[in-house]
Amino acid sequence: MPTAKALLYLSVPAKGVEPVDGITTKNPEGLTAATGIHAQALADRLGALGLKCLTVSPEEYRPAMFEKMIWIATYMLVGTARDCSSVGQAGADHKDLVEDIISELVAAVSAKEGITFAEGSIERLAAYTDVVADFPCGVKEFEWRNQYFYDLGDEACPKHNALLKECASAGKLGFELP
């Protein structure tokens, strides 16, 4: 059965507030992307709301999907570990750590999945962080975000996994690590 998938790069900070689109200085065309049978219909609906949505092939979608997961896993983890109030603070105050973890996770996903990421992942994700800078930090939904990387092991993701273990030891996680 054909399916459609979408990566929504938008934020709705509060009920009744206009959504913030994932349009960045690095990607003025936006980062939201859809693939599959209903991709164009979703792009049209979002467009009617003034939001951008790229329609992409399944091959283009996979690296974009992992890149978005890398963003949320990295910025939330660094922000939680370093007691940041927002992803913007995590990126500004701990830029080197954020970049090291993004590089680590891109390499780990590339090795595991055979995916080639477009050049500029660090810059794209930093630019998106600028758009949603006030988004609060918290390591949540572990099984949907950080667990994939955690399960790749300490050899593939040493900094990511060490930071998760540090958060667990400090009581900053609302769950137990496997």
Protein backbone atom coordinates (compact mmCIF):
# COMPACT_ATOMS: atom_id res chain seq x y z
CA MET A 1 0.00 0.00 0.00
CA PRO A 2 1.50 3.38 -0.99
CA THR A 3 2.03 5.80 1.84
CA ALA A 4 2.92 9.42 2.32
CA LYS A 5 5.44 10.73 4.83
CA ALA A 6 6.22 14.25 5.94
CA LEU A 7 8.87 16.03 7.97
CA LEU A 8 7.29 19.07 9.53
CA TYR A 9 9.79 21.80 10.24
CA LEU A 10 7.42 24.14 11.95
CA SER A 11 6.61 25.17 15.45
CA VAL A 12 3.39 26.27 17.09
CA PRO A 13 4.52 27.95 20.31
CA ALA A 14 1.03 28.20 21.84
CA LYS A 15 -2.60 27.46 21.05
CA GLY A 16 -4.04 30.06 18.71
CA VAL A 17 -0.63 31.38 17.65
CA GLU A 18 0.45 31.35 14.01
CA PRO A 19 2.89 28.55 13.18
CA VAL A 20 6.55 29.38 12.68
CA ASP A 21 7.70 27.92 9.35
CA GLY A 22 11.06 26.18 8.95
CA ILE A 23 12.37 28.83 6.59
CA THR A 24 16.00 29.54 7.41
CA THR A 25 18.88 31.62 6.15
CA LYS A 26 20.40 28.43 4.71
CA ASN A 27 17.12 27.09 3.27
CA PRO A 28 14.79 29.92 2.21
CA GLU A 29 12.69 27.29 0.40
CA GLY A 30 11.94 25.79 3.82
CA LEU A 31 12.86 22.44 5.31
CA THR A 32 9.43 20.81 5.55
CA ALA A 33 9.34 17.93 3.08
CA ALA A 34 6.87 15.29 1.99
CA THR A 35 7.12 12.17 -0.12
CA GLY A 36 4.71 9.59 -1.40
CA ILE A 37 1.25 9.41 -2.88
CA HIS A 38 -0.19 12.43 -1.05
CA ALA A 39 2.94 14.59 -0.90
CA GLN A 40 1.70 17.20 -3.37
CA ALA A 41 -1.71 17.40 -1.68
CA LEU A 42 -0.01 18.11 1.65
CA ALA A 43 2.28 20.68 0.04
CA ASP A 44 -0.76 22.39 -1.48
CA ARG A 45 -2.63 22.46 1.84
CA LEU A 46 0.36 23.83 3.71
CA GLY A 47 0.90 26.35 0.92
CA ALA A 48 -2.68 27.57 1.35
CA LEU A 49 -1.75 28.32 4.98
CA GLY A 50 1.34 30.25 3.91
CA LEU A 51 3.71 27.43 4.85
CA LYS A 52 6.32 25.90 2.58
CA CYS A 53 6.63 22.19 1.79
CA LEU A 54 8.99 20.50 -0.63
CA THR A 55 7.90 17.34 -2.42
CA VAL A 56 10.82 14.94 -2.58
CA SER A 57 11.61 11.41 -3.72
CA PRO A 58 11.89 8.60 -1.15
CA GLU A 59 15.67 8.66 -1.72
CA GLU A 60 15.81 12.37 -0.85
CA TYR A 61 13.46 11.90 2.09
CA ARG A 62 15.57 9.38 4.06
CA PRO A 63 18.58 11.63 4.75
CA ALA A 64 16.24 14.53 5.52
CA MET A 65 14.33 12.32 7.98
CA PHE A 66 17.51 11.30 9.77
CA GLU A 67 18.80 14.87 9.77
CA LYS A 68 15.66 16.06 11.53
CA MET A 69 16.01 13.25 14.08
CA ILE A 70 19.65 14.24 14.58
CA TRP A 71 18.55 17.84 15.23
CA ILE A 72 16.06 17.01 17.94
CA ALA A 73 18.23 14.33 19.53
CA THR A 74 21.30 16.59 19.64
CA TYR A 75 19.91 19.95 20.70
CA MET A 76 17.57 18.48 23.31
CA LEU A 77 20.30 16.29 24.76
CA VAL A 78 22.96 19.00 24.91
CA GLY A 79 20.46 21.47 26.32
CA THR A 80 19.33 19.04 29.01
CA ALA A 81 22.86 17.98 29.94
CA ARG A 82 24.08 21.56 30.18
CA ASP A 83 20.97 23.00 31.90
CA CYS A 84 19.95 25.21 28.98
CA SER A 85 16.47 26.69 28.90
CA SER A 86 16.18 26.51 25.11
CA VAL A 87 17.66 24.99 21.97
CA GLY A 88 18.97 28.44 21.07
CA GLN A 89 20.94 28.59 24.30
CA ALA A 90 22.25 25.06 23.75
CA GLY A 91 23.48 26.01 20.28
CA ALA A 92 24.98 29.32 21.35
CA ASP A 93 26.61 28.26 24.63
CA HIS A 94 27.71 24.77 23.59
CA LYS A 95 28.33 25.14 19.85
CA ASP A 96 31.38 22.86 19.76
CA LEU A 97 29.62 20.04 21.62
CA VAL A 98 26.53 20.35 19.41
CA GLU A 99 28.67 20.24 16.27
CA ASP A 100 30.69 17.26 17.54
CA ILE A 101 27.54 15.27 18.25
CA ILE A 102 25.89 16.18 14.94
CA SER A 103 29.04 15.06 13.09
CA GLU A 104 29.14 11.84 15.12
CA LEU A 105 25.50 11.01 14.44
CA VAL A 106 25.72 11.85 10.72
CA ALA A 107 28.71 9.50 10.42
CA ALA A 108 26.97 6.75 12.43
CA VAL A 109 23.78 6.94 10.34
CA SER A 110 25.78 7.03 7.10
CA ALA A 111 27.66 3.88 8.12
CA LYS A 112 24.58 2.02 9.35
CA GLU A 113 22.05 3.02 6.68
CA GLY A 114 24.30 3.67 3.68
CA ILE A 115 22.91 7.20 3.43
CA THR A 116 24.81 10.13 2.00
CA PHE A 117 23.89 13.45 3.57
CA ALA A 118 24.09 16.67 1.60
CA GLU A 119 26.99 18.89 2.66
CA GLY A 120 26.16 21.38 5.40
CA SER A 121 24.16 19.39 7.97
CA ILE A 122 25.67 21.34 10.87
CA GLU A 123 24.92 24.69 9.24
CA ARG A 124 21.37 23.67 8.20
CA LEU A 125 20.51 22.48 11.68
CA ALA A 126 22.04 25.55 13.34
CA ALA A 127 20.02 27.80 11.01
CA TYR A 128 16.83 25.93 11.94
CA THR A 129 17.72 26.34 15.62
CA ASP A 130 17.86 30.10 15.05
CA VAL A 131 14.24 29.96 13.81
CA VAL A 132 12.98 28.04 16.87
CA ALA A 133 15.56 29.39 19.35
CA ASP A 134 13.10 29.64 22.26
CA PHE A 135 11.98 26.00 22.00
CA PRO A 136 12.55 24.45 25.46
CA CYS A 137 15.01 21.59 25.96
CA GLY A 138 14.15 18.17 27.32
CA VAL A 139 15.08 14.59 26.45
CA LYS A 140 11.66 13.05 25.81
CA GLU A 141 10.17 10.39 23.59
CA PHE A 142 13.44 8.47 23.86
CA GLU A 143 12.24 5.57 21.73
CA TRP A 144 11.47 7.97 18.84
CA ARG A 145 14.48 10.24 19.14
CA ASN A 146 17.69 9.26 20.90
CA GLN A 147 17.26 5.50 21.20
CA TYR A 148 18.15 4.80 17.58
CA PHE A 149 21.56 6.41 18.15
CA TYR A 150 21.97 4.91 21.63
CA ASP A 151 21.35 1.45 20.19
CA LEU A 152 24.08 1.95 17.58
CA GLY A 153 26.45 1.60 20.52
CA ASP A 154 29.21 3.49 22.26
CA GLU A 155 31.69 2.83 19.46
CA ALA A 156 29.49 4.52 16.83
CA CYS A 157 28.05 7.26 19.08
CA PRO A 158 30.46 7.75 22.01
CA LYS A 159 29.74 11.42 22.81
CA HIS A 160 25.97 11.09 22.35
CA ASN A 161 25.78 7.99 24.53
CA ALA A 162 28.12 9.38 27.19
CA LEU A 163 25.97 12.51 27.45
CA LEU A 164 22.81 10.41 27.78
CA LYS A 165 24.44 8.39 30.57
CA GLU A 166 25.57 11.62 32.24
CA CYS A 167 21.97 12.90 32.16
CA ALA A 168 20.71 9.60 33.58
CA SER A 169 23.26 9.70 36.42
CA ALA A 170 22.26 13.28 37.23
CA GLY A 171 18.54 12.40 37.32
CA LYS A 172 17.75 14.59 34.31
CA LEU A 173 15.84 11.89 32.39
CA GLY A 174 12.25 10.88 33.07
CA PHE A 175 12.99 7.29 32.06
CA GLU A 176 15.62 4.58 32.52
CA LEU A 177 18.15 3.90 29.80
CA PRO A 178 17.94 0.35 28.41
